[in-house]
PDB file of N, CA and C in Angstrom:
ATOM      1  N   UNK A   1     112.954 -86.641  33.869  1.00  0.00           N
ATOM      2  CA  UNK A   1     112.045 -85.940  32.790  1.00  0.00           C
ATOM      3  C   UNK A   1     110.612 -85.994  33.234  1.00  0.00           C
ATOM      4  N   UNK A   2     110.200 -84.752  32.980  1.00  0.00           N
ATOM      5  CA  UNK A   2     108.794 -84.642  33.130  1.00  0.00           C
ATOM      6  C   UNK A   2     107.743 -84.971  32.304  1.00  0.00           C
ATOM      7  N   UNK A   3     106.525 -85.324  32.643  1.00  0.00           N
ATOM      8  CA  UNK A   3     105.733 -85.966  31.595  1.00  0.00           C
ATOM      9  C   UNK A   3     104.812 -84.321  31.128  1.00  0.00           C
ATOM     10  N   UNK A   4     104.138 -84.680  29.622  1.00  0.00           N
ATOM     11  CA  UNK A   4     103.699 -83.656  29.073  1.00  0.00           C
ATOM     12  C   UNK A   4     104.458 -83.382  27.868  1.00  0.00           C
ATOM     13  N   UNK A   5     105.117 -84.310  27.118  1.00  0.00           N
ATOM     14  CA  UNK A   5     105.823 -84.021  25.755  1.00  0.00           C
ATOM     15  C   UNK A   5     106.936 -82.967  25.545  1.00  0.00           C
ATOM     16  N   UNK A   6     107.386 -83.213  24.454  1.00  0.00           N
ATOM     17  CA  UNK A   6     108.421 -82.333  23.802  1.00  0.00           C
ATOM     18  C   UNK A   6     107.990 -81.139  23.617  1.00  0.00           C
ATOM     19  N   UNK A   7     109.053 -80.353  24.146  1.00  0.00           N
ATOM     20  CA  UNK A   7     108.876 -78.842  23.624  1.00  0.00           C
ATOM     21  C   UNK A   7     109.688 -78.299  22.371  1.00  0.00           C
ATOM     22  N   UNK A   8     109.069 -77.619  21.521  1.00  0.00           N
ATOM     23  CA  UNK A   8     109.564 -77.195  20.442  1.00  0.00           C
ATOM     24  C   UNK A   8     110.136 -75.705  20.197  1.00  0.00           C
ATOM     25  N   UNK A   9     111.075 -75.242  19.778  1.00  0.00           N
ATOM     26  CA  UNK A   9     111.412 -73.888  19.742  1.00  0.00           C
ATOM     27  C   UNK A   9     111.782 -73.625  18.118  1.00  0.00           C
ATOM     28  N   UNK A  10     111.582 -72.362  17.722  1.00  0.00           N
ATOM     29  CA  UNK A  10     111.845 -72.003  16.210  1.00  0.00           C
ATOM     30  C   UNK A  10     113.119 -71.039  16.933  1.00  0.00           C
ATOM     31  N   UNK A  11     114.115 -70.576  16.192  1.00  0.00           N
ATOM     32  CA  UNK A  11     115.133 -69.814  16.117  1.00  0.00           C
ATOM     33  C   UNK A  11     115.779 -69.679  15.094  1.00  0.00           C
ATOM     34  N   UNK A  12     116.878 -68.662  14.769  1.00  0.00           N
ATOM     35  CA  UNK A  12     117.706 -68.168  14.308  1.00  0.00           C
ATOM     36  C   UNK A  12     119.105 -68.168  14.568  1.00  0.00           C
ATOM     37  N   UNK A  13     120.146 -68.653  13.810  1.00  0.00           N
ATOM     38  CA  UNK A  13     121.169 -68.961  14.553  1.00  0.00           C
ATOM     39  C   UNK A  13     122.012 -69.112  13.546  1.00  0.00           C
ATOM     40  N   UNK A  14     123.463 -68.668  14.262  1.00  0.00           N
ATOM     41  CA  UNK A  14     124.692 -68.923  13.652  1.00  0.00           C
ATOM     42  C   UNK A  14     125.667 -70.321  13.752  1.00  0.00           C
ATOM     43  N   UNK A  15     126.135 -70.828  13.006  1.00  0.00           N
ATOM     44  CA  UNK A  15     126.183 -72.473  12.954  1.00  0.00           C
ATOM     45  C   UNK A  15     127.865 -72.999  12.482  1.00  0.00           C
ATOM     46  N   UNK A  16     128.452 -73.723  13.186  1.00  0.00           N
ATOM     47  CA  UNK A  16     129.910 -74.402  12.575  1.00  0.00           C
ATOM     48  C   UNK A  16     129.111 -75.417  11.802  1.00  0.00           C
ATOM     49  N   UNK A  17     129.599 -76.638  11.521  1.00  0.00           N
ATOM     50  CA  UNK A  17     129.094 -77.998  10.799  1.00  0.00           C
ATOM     51  C   UNK A  17     128.498 -78.750  11.201  1.00  0.00           C
ATOM     52  N   UNK A  18     127.426 -79.163  11.102  1.00  0.00           N
ATOM     53  CA  UNK A  18     126.422 -80.098  11.801  1.00  0.00           C
ATOM     54  C   UNK A  18     125.439 -80.687  10.555  1.00  0.00           C
ATOM     55  N   UNK A  19     124.861 -81.813  10.407  1.00  0.00           N
ATOM     56  CA  UNK A  19     124.045 -82.126   9.754  1.00  0.00           C
ATOM     57  C   UNK A  19     122.666 -81.538  10.229  1.00  0.00           C
ATOM     58  N   UNK A  20     121.840 -81.815   8.567  1.00  0.00           N
ATOM     59  CA  UNK A  20     120.390 -81.378   9.246  1.00  0.00           C
ATOM     60  C   UNK A  20     119.522 -81.701  10.569  1.00  0.00           C
ATOM     61  N   UNK A  21     119.783 -82.839  10.703  1.00  0.00           N
ATOM     62  CA  UNK A  21     119.236 -83.186  12.272  1.00  0.00           C
ATOM     63  C   UNK A  21     120.255 -83.939  12.776  1.00  0.00           C
ATOM     64  N   UNK A  22     120.187 -83.195  14.170  1.00  0.00           N
ATOM     65  CA  UNK A  22     121.315 -83.378  15.037  1.00  0.00           C
ATOM     66  C   UNK A  22     121.136 -83.119  16.466  1.00  0.00           C
ATOM     67  N   UNK A  23     121.714 -84.359  17.278  1.00  0.00           N
ATOM     68  CA  UNK A  23     121.776 -84.020  18.693  1.00  0.00           C
ATOM     69  C   UNK A  23     122.512 -82.748  19.287  1.00  0.00           C
ATOM     70  N   UNK A  24     122.293 -81.922  20.226  1.00  0.00           N
ATOM     71  CA  UNK A  24     122.711 -80.759  20.555  1.00  0.00           C
ATOM     72  C   UNK A  24     122.426 -80.750  21.829  1.00  0.00           C
ATOM     73  N   UNK A  25     123.406 -80.032  22.525  1.00  0.00           N
ATOM     74  CA  UNK A  25     123.298 -79.453  23.864  1.00  0.00           C
ATOM     75  C   UNK A  25     122.936 -77.718  23.604  1.00  0.00           C
ATOM     76  N   UNK A  26     121.584 -77.553  24.145  1.00  0.00           N
ATOM     77  CA  UNK A  26     121.391 -75.865  24.177  1.00  0.00           C
ATOM     78  C   UNK A  26     121.605 -75.363  25.535  1.00  0.00           C
ATOM     79  N   UNK A  27     122.587 -74.396  25.594  1.00  0.00           N
ATOM     80  CA  UNK A  27     123.240 -73.647  26.709  1.00  0.00           C
ATOM     81  C   UNK A  27     122.545 -72.368  26.728  1.00  0.00           C
ATOM     82  N   UNK A  28     122.059 -71.851  28.214  1.00  0.00           N
ATOM     83  CA  UNK A  28     121.231 -70.832  28.265  1.00  0.00           C
ATOM     84  C   UNK A  28     121.999 -69.968  29.215  1.00  0.00           C
ATOM     85  N   UNK A  29     122.300 -68.790  29.112  1.00  0.00           N
ATOM     86  CA  UNK A  29     122.933 -68.156  30.405  1.00  0.00           C
ATOM     87  C   UNK A  29     122.450 -67.060  30.933  1.00  0.00           C
ATOM     88  N   UNK A  30     120.555 -67.266  31.123  1.00  0.00           N
ATOM     89  CA  UNK A  30     119.917 -66.595  31.662  1.00  0.00           C
ATOM     90  C   UNK A  30     120.117 -66.145  33.033  1.00  0.00           C
ATOM     91  N   UNK A  31     120.791 -66.856  33.599  1.00  0.00           N
ATOM     92  CA  UNK A  31     121.046 -66.515  35.280  1.00  0.00           C
ATOM     93  C   UNK A  31     122.276 -66.035  35.433  1.00  0.00           C
ATOM     94  N   UNK A  32     122.838 -65.381  34.362  1.00  0.00           N
ATOM     95  CA  UNK A  32     123.905 -64.434  34.577  1.00  0.00           C
ATOM     96  C   UNK A  32     125.205 -65.384  34.320  1.00  0.00           C
ATOM     97  N   UNK A  33     126.067 -64.594  34.000  1.00  0.00           N
ATOM     98  CA  UNK A  33     127.532 -64.787  33.979  1.00  0.00           C
ATOM     99  C   UNK A  33     128.007 -66.130  34.782  1.00  0.00           C
ATOM    100  N   UNK A  34     128.614 -67.284  34.162  1.00  0.00           N
ATOM    101  CA  UNK A  34     129.047 -68.233  34.746  1.00  0.00           C
ATOM    102  C   UNK A  34     127.852 -69.199  35.277  1.00  0.00           C
ATOM    103  N   UNK A  35     126.793 -68.821  35.357  1.00  0.00           N
ATOM    104  CA  UNK A  35     125.943 -69.542  35.725  1.00  0.00           C
ATOM    105  C   UNK A  35     124.548 -70.286  34.137  1.00  0.00           C
ATOM    106  N   UNK A  36     124.581 -71.404  34.020  1.00  0.00           N
ATOM    107  CA  UNK A  36     124.230 -71.739  32.496  1.00  0.00           C
ATOM    108  C   UNK A  36     122.877 -72.898  32.866  1.00  0.00           C
ATOM    109  N   UNK A  37     122.094 -72.813  31.979  1.00  0.00           N
ATOM    110  CA  UNK A  37     121.378 -74.244  31.976  1.00  0.00           C
ATOM    111  C   UNK A  37     121.585 -74.670  30.761  1.00  0.00           C
ATOM    112  N   UNK A  38     121.851 -76.270  30.770  1.00  0.00           N
ATOM    113  CA  UNK A  38     122.219 -76.908  29.379  1.00  0.00           C
ATOM    114  C   UNK A  38     120.881 -77.925  29.377  1.00  0.00           C
ATOM    115  N   UNK A  39     120.329 -77.885  27.865  1.00  0.00           N
ATOM    116  CA  UNK A  39     119.400 -78.735  27.704  1.00  0.00           C
ATOM    117  C   UNK A  39     119.587 -79.624  26.713  1.00  0.00           C
ATOM    118  N   UNK A  40     119.259 -80.745  26.564  1.00  0.00           N
ATOM    119  CA  UNK A  40     119.787 -82.051  25.736  1.00  0.00           C
ATOM    120  C   UNK A  40     118.578 -81.682  24.659  1.00  0.00           C
ATOM    121  N   UNK A  41     118.962 -81.618  23.093  1.00  0.00           N
ATOM    122  CA  UNK A  41     117.821 -81.305  22.078  1.00  0.00           C
ATOM    123  C   UNK A  41     118.210 -82.095  21.056  1.00  0.00           C
ATOM    124  N   UNK A  42     117.319 -82.222  19.924  1.00  0.00           N
ATOM    125  CA  UNK A  42     117.466 -82.560  18.502  1.00  0.00           C
ATOM    126  C   UNK A  42     117.186 -81.096  17.836  1.00  0.00           C
ATOM    127  N   UNK A  43     118.259 -80.767  16.679  1.00  0.00           N
ATOM    128  CA  UNK A  43     118.044 -79.784  15.924  1.00  0.00           C
ATOM    129  C   UNK A  43     117.786 -79.960  14.466  1.00  0.00           C
ATOM    130  N   UNK A  44     116.968 -79.349  14.016  1.00  0.00           N
ATOM    131  CA  UNK A  44     116.397 -79.728  12.521  1.00  0.00           C
ATOM    132  C   UNK A  44     116.124 -78.576  11.798  1.00  0.00           C
ATOM    133  N   UNK A  45     116.661 -78.916  10.414  1.00  0.00           N
ATOM    134  CA  UNK A  45     116.359 -77.617   9.515  1.00  0.00           C
ATOM    135  C   UNK A  45     115.101 -77.753   8.583  1.00  0.00           C
ATOM    136  N   UNK A  46     114.559 -76.726   8.349  1.00  0.00           N
ATOM    137  CA  UNK A  46     113.294 -76.979   7.389  1.00  0.00           C
ATOM    138  C   UNK A  46     113.383 -77.598   5.772  1.00  0.00           C
ATOM    139  N   UNK A  47     114.432 -77.471   5.158  1.00  0.00           N
ATOM    140  CA  UNK A  47     115.068 -78.032   3.990  1.00  0.00           C
ATOM    141  C   UNK A  47     115.813 -79.286   4.316  1.00  0.00           C
ATOM    142  N   UNK A  48     116.483 -79.679   5.186  1.00  0.00           N
ATOM    143  CA  UNK A  48     117.065 -81.054   5.319  1.00  0.00           C
ATOM    144  C   UNK A  48     118.132 -80.887   4.839  1.00  0.00           C
ATOM    145  N   UNK A  49     119.076 -79.466   4.809  1.00  0.00           N
ATOM    146  CA  UNK A  49     120.175 -79.336   4.335  1.00  0.00           C
ATOM    147  C   UNK A  49     121.048 -78.986   5.795  1.00  0.00           C
ATOM    148  N   UNK A  50     122.352 -79.524   5.243  1.00  0.00           N
ATOM    149  CA  UNK A  50     123.485 -79.562   6.381  1.00  0.00           C
ATOM    150  C   UNK A  50     123.947 -78.110   6.653  1.00  0.00           C
ATOM    151  N   UNK A  51     123.927 -77.768   7.927  1.00  0.00           N
ATOM    152  CA  UNK A  51     124.518 -76.518   8.187  1.00  0.00           C
ATOM    153  C   UNK A  51     125.884 -76.229   8.315  1.00  0.00           C
ATOM    154  N   UNK A  52     126.385 -75.217   7.552  1.00  0.00           N
ATOM    155  CA  UNK A  52     127.632 -75.057   7.366  1.00  0.00           C
ATOM    156  C   UNK A  52     128.198 -73.926   7.878  1.00  0.00           C
ATOM    157  N   UNK A  53     129.291 -73.901   8.166  1.00  0.00           N
ATOM    158  CA  UNK A  53     130.484 -72.712   8.941  1.00  0.00           C
ATOM    159  C   UNK A  53     130.004 -71.340   8.137  1.00  0.00           C
ATOM    160  N   UNK A  54     129.463 -70.638   9.065  1.00  0.00           N
ATOM    161  CA  UNK A  54     129.160 -69.236   8.702  1.00  0.00           C
ATOM    162  C   UNK A  54     127.841 -68.920   8.175  1.00  0.00           C
ATOM    163  N   UNK A  55     126.978 -70.080   8.445  1.00  0.00           N
ATOM    164  CA  UNK A  55     125.504 -69.738   7.793  1.00  0.00           C
ATOM    165  C   UNK A  55     125.011 -68.969   9.045  1.00  0.00           C
ATOM    166  N   UNK A  56     124.448 -68.146   8.398  1.00  0.00           N
ATOM    167  CA  UNK A  56     123.692 -66.845   9.179  1.00  0.00           C
ATOM    168  C   UNK A  56     122.188 -67.120   8.681  1.00  0.00           C
ATOM    169  N   UNK A  57     121.350 -66.659   9.879  1.00  0.00           N
ATOM    170  CA  UNK A  57     120.049 -66.407   9.500  1.00  0.00           C
ATOM    171  C   UNK A  57     119.137 -67.875   8.895  1.00  0.00           C
ATOM    172  N   UNK A  58     119.818 -69.005   9.435  1.00  0.00           N
ATOM    173  CA  UNK A  58     118.917 -70.289   8.986  1.00  0.00           C
ATOM    174  C   UNK A  58     117.909 -70.498  10.172  1.00  0.00           C
ATOM    175  N   UNK A  59     116.916 -70.555   9.738  1.00  0.00           N
ATOM    176  CA  UNK A  59     115.642 -70.831  10.796  1.00  0.00           C
ATOM    177  C   UNK A  59     115.844 -72.712  11.065  1.00  0.00           C
ATOM    178  N   UNK A  60     116.096 -72.826  12.561  1.00  0.00           N
ATOM    179  CA  UNK A  60     115.986 -74.460  12.728  1.00  0.00           C
ATOM    180  C   UNK A  60     115.191 -74.533  13.694  1.00  0.00           C
ATOM    181  N   UNK A  61     114.825 -75.657  14.021  1.00  0.00           N
ATOM    182  CA  UNK A  61     113.690 -76.012  15.231  1.00  0.00           C
ATOM    183  C   UNK A  61     114.585 -76.857  16.202  1.00  0.00           C
ATOM    184  N   UNK A  62     114.325 -76.451  17.327  1.00  0.00           N
ATOM    185  CA  UNK A  62     115.058 -77.014  18.501  1.00  0.00           C
ATOM    186  C   UNK A  62     114.066 -78.007  19.174  1.00  0.00           C
ATOM    187  N   UNK A  63     114.144 -79.329  19.550  1.00  0.00           N
ATOM    188  CA  UNK A  63     113.112 -80.304  20.176  1.00  0.00           C
ATOM    189  C   UNK A  63     113.408 -80.989  21.375  1.00  0.00           C
ATOM    190  N   UNK A  64     113.066 -80.567  22.479  1.00  0.00           N
ATOM    191  CA  UNK A  64     113.765 -80.838  23.925  1.00  0.00           C
ATOM    192  C   UNK A  64     112.289 -81.453  24.605  1.00  0.00           C
ATOM    193  N   UNK A  65     112.800 -82.471  25.896  1.00  0.00           N
ATOM    194  CA  UNK A  65     111.992 -82.906  26.342  1.00  0.00           C
ATOM    195  C   UNK A  65     111.613 -82.438  27.833  1.00  0.00           C
ATOM    196  N   UNK A  66     112.614 -81.671  27.957  1.00  0.00           N
ATOM    197  CA  UNK A  66     112.861 -80.954  29.586  1.00  0.00           C
ATOM    198  C   UNK A  66     112.044 -80.081  29.748  1.00  0.00           C
ATOM    199  N   UNK A  67     110.950 -80.004  30.576  1.00  0.00           N
ATOM    200  CA  UNK A  67     109.792 -79.058  30.714  1.00  0.00           C
ATOM    201  C   UNK A  67     110.192 -77.897  31.194  1.00  0.00           C
ATOM    202  N   UNK A  68     111.440 -77.891  32.159  1.00  0.00           N
ATOM    203  CA  UNK A  68     111.875 -76.868  32.600  1.00  0.00           C
ATOM    204  C   UNK A  68     112.336 -75.606  31.682  1.00  0.00           C
ATOM    205  N   UNK A  69     112.872 -76.148  30.246  1.00  0.00           N
ATOM    206  CA  UNK A  69     113.371 -75.269  29.401  1.00  0.00           C
ATOM    207  C   UNK A  69     112.457 -74.301  28.686  1.00  0.00           C
ATOM    208  N   UNK A  70     111.090 -74.195  29.260  1.00  0.00           N
ATOM    209  CA  UNK A  70     109.722 -73.444  28.904  1.00  0.00           C
ATOM    210  C   UNK A  70     110.263 -72.066  29.745  1.00  0.00           C
ATOM    211  N   UNK A  71     110.975 -72.120  31.176  1.00  0.00           N
ATOM    212  CA  UNK A  71     111.111 -70.940  32.056  1.00  0.00           C
ATOM    213  C   UNK A  71     112.607 -70.411  31.057  1.00  0.00           C
ATOM    214  N   UNK A  72     113.051 -70.866  30.600  1.00  0.00           N
ATOM    215  CA  UNK A  72     114.508 -70.549  30.197  1.00  0.00           C
ATOM    216  C   UNK A  72     114.539 -69.945  28.380  1.00  0.00           C
ATOM    217  N   UNK A  73     113.694 -70.658  27.666  1.00  0.00           N
ATOM    218  CA  UNK A  73     113.649 -70.417  26.600  1.00  0.00           C
ATOM    219  C   UNK A  73     112.497 -70.009  25.811  1.00  0.00           C
ATOM    220  N   UNK A  74     112.583 -68.265  26.156  1.00  0.00           N
ATOM    221  CA  UNK A  74     111.141 -67.819  25.488  1.00  0.00           C
ATOM    222  C   UNK A  74     111.849 -66.819  24.116  1.00  0.00           C
ATOM    223  N   UNK A  75     110.897 -66.265  23.498  1.00  0.00           N
ATOM    224  CA  UNK A  75     111.302 -65.515  21.982  1.00  0.00           C
ATOM    225  C   UNK A  75     112.452 -64.013  22.920  1.00  0.00           C
ATOM    226  N   UNK A  76     112.887 -64.445  21.914  1.00  0.00           N
ATOM    227  CA  UNK A  76     114.264 -63.146  22.242  1.00  0.00           C
ATOM    228  C   UNK A  76     115.489 -64.022  23.078  1.00  0.00           C
ATOM    229  N   UNK A  77     115.656 -65.012  23.554  1.00  0.00           N
ATOM    230  CA  UNK A  77     116.500 -65.300  24.355  1.00  0.00           C
ATOM    231  C   UNK A  77     117.619 -66.093  23.949  1.00  0.00           C
ATOM    232  N   UNK A  78     118.747 -65.499  23.883  1.00  0.00           N
ATOM    233  CA  UNK A  78     119.973 -66.015  23.379  1.00  0.00           C
ATOM    234  C   UNK A  78     120.052 -67.291  23.991  1.00  0.00           C
ATOM    235  N   UNK A  79     121.073 -68.196  23.242  1.00  0.00           N
ATOM    236  CA  UNK A  79     121.320 -69.531  23.519  1.00  0.00           C
ATOM    237  C   UNK A  79     122.510 -69.907  22.740  1.00  0.00           C
ATOM    238  N   UNK A  80     123.546 -70.798  23.028  1.00  0.00           N
ATOM    239  CA  UNK A  80     124.674 -71.634  22.396  1.00  0.00           C
ATOM    240  C   UNK A  80     124.288 -72.923  22.149  1.00  0.00           C
ATOM    241  N   UNK A  81     125.021 -73.484  20.928  1.00  0.00           N
ATOM    242  CA  UNK A  81     124.777 -74.776  20.685  1.00  0.00           C
ATOM    243  C   UNK A  81     126.145 -75.233  20.962  1.00  0.00           C
ATOM    244  N   UNK A  82     126.244 -76.966  21.698  1.00  0.00           N
ATOM    245  CA  UNK A  82     127.504 -77.318  22.106  1.00  0.00           C
ATOM    246  C   UNK A  82     127.224 -78.607  21.384  1.00  0.00           C
ATOM    247  N   UNK A  83     127.990 -79.199  21.008  1.00  0.00           N
ATOM    248  CA  UNK A  83     128.625 -80.675  20.274  1.00  0.00           C
ATOM    249  C   UNK A  83     129.887 -81.108  20.638  1.00  0.00           C
ATOM    250  N   UNK A  84     130.226 -81.154  22.008  1.00  0.00           N
ATOM    251  CA  UNK A  84     131.678 -81.270  22.333  1.00  0.00           C
ATOM    252  C   UNK A  84     132.209 -80.060  22.711  1.00  0.00           C
ATOM    253  N   UNK A  85     131.940 -79.290  22.030  1.00  0.00           N
ATOM    254  CA  UNK A  85     132.787 -77.807  22.351  1.00  0.00           C
ATOM    255  C   UNK A  85     131.311 -76.790  21.626  1.00  0.00           C
ATOM    256  N   UNK A  86     131.704 -75.542  21.810  1.00  0.00           N
ATOM    257  CA  UNK A  86     130.762 -74.558  21.305  1.00  0.00           C
ATOM    258  C   UNK A  86     130.547 -74.134  19.826  1.00  0.00           C
ATOM    259  N   UNK A  87     129.717 -74.711  19.072  1.00  0.00           N
ATOM    260  CA  UNK A  87     129.283 -74.956  17.821  1.00  0.00           C
ATOM    261  C   UNK A  87     128.595 -73.859  17.153  1.00  0.00           C
ATOM    262  N   UNK A  88     127.814 -73.051  17.731  1.00  0.00           N
ATOM    263  CA  UNK A  88     126.789 -72.294  17.037  1.00  0.00           C
ATOM    264  C   UNK A  88     126.286 -71.508  18.380  1.00  0.00           C
ATOM    265  N   UNK A  89     125.391 -70.266  17.806  1.00  0.00           N
ATOM    266  CA  UNK A  89     124.447 -69.730  19.055  1.00  0.00           C
ATOM    267  C   UNK A  89     123.258 -69.091  18.031  1.00  0.00           C
ATOM    268  N   UNK A  90     122.192 -68.665  18.716  1.00  0.00           N
ATOM    269  CA  UNK A  90     120.885 -68.141  18.203  1.00  0.00           C
ATOM    270  C   UNK A  90     120.105 -67.178  18.900  1.00  0.00           C
ATOM    271  N   UNK A  91     118.821 -67.304  18.448  1.00  0.00           N
ATOM    272  CA  UNK A  91     118.043 -66.346  19.400  1.00  0.00           C
ATOM    273  C   UNK A  91     116.706 -67.150  19.216  1.00  0.00           C
ATOM    274  N   UNK A  92     115.843 -67.373  19.888  1.00  0.00           N
ATOM    275  CA  UNK A  92     114.765 -68.100  19.902  1.00  0.00           C
ATOM    276  C   UNK A  92     113.568 -67.167  19.374  1.00  0.00           C
ATOM    277  N   UNK A  93     112.803 -67.495  18.160  1.00  0.00           N
ATOM    278  CA  UNK A  93     112.030 -66.461  17.621  1.00  0.00           C
ATOM    279  C   UNK A  93     110.604 -66.785  18.175  1.00  0.00           C
ATOM    280  N   UNK A  94     110.563 -68.231  18.309  1.00  0.00           N
ATOM    281  CA  UNK A  94     109.069 -68.688  18.981  1.00  0.00           C
ATOM    282  C   UNK A  94     109.213 -69.737  19.462  1.00  0.00           C
ATOM    283  N   UNK A  95     107.824 -70.174  20.533  1.00  0.00           N
ATOM    284  CA  UNK A  95     107.782 -71.591  20.865  1.00  0.00           C
ATOM    285  C   UNK A  95     107.001 -72.324  20.062  1.00  0.00           C
ATOM    286  N   UNK A  96     107.173 -73.614  19.260  1.00  0.00           N
ATOM    287  CA  UNK A  96     106.095 -74.477  18.464  1.00  0.00           C
ATOM    288  C   UNK A  96     104.959 -74.967  19.580  1.00  0.00           C
ATOM    289  N   UNK A  97     103.943 -74.889  19.484  1.00  0.00           N
ATOM    290  CA  UNK A  97     103.039 -75.438  20.411  1.00  0.00           C
ATOM    291  C   UNK A  97     102.548 -77.011  19.670  1.00  0.00           C
ATOM    292  N   UNK A  98     102.553 -78.048  20.353  1.00  0.00           N
ATOM    293  CA  UNK A  98     102.142 -79.103  19.897  1.00  0.00           C
ATOM    294  C   UNK A  98     101.216 -79.455  18.946  1.00  0.00           C
TER     295      UNK A  98
END
């Protein structure tokens, strides 16, 4: 892990069921089909409510320590969320500066 602190991103996403604060893997397919980068992250909601199956347009914050995510997760970038299997997907709306 590179120094420099954690990176935070705001995103709108669609979800299966996970608690309001949860560890996930963020998968980005920016390099093309079959080529993906995975990043460990904490996901949290503003209202601290559990994300339910079918939730759409929920705004969440992804917090990750891997600085290489900066190059892969810019505004408009699509991503998948994984916890042992794919549990949701979303689009980055903006990077939150520390």
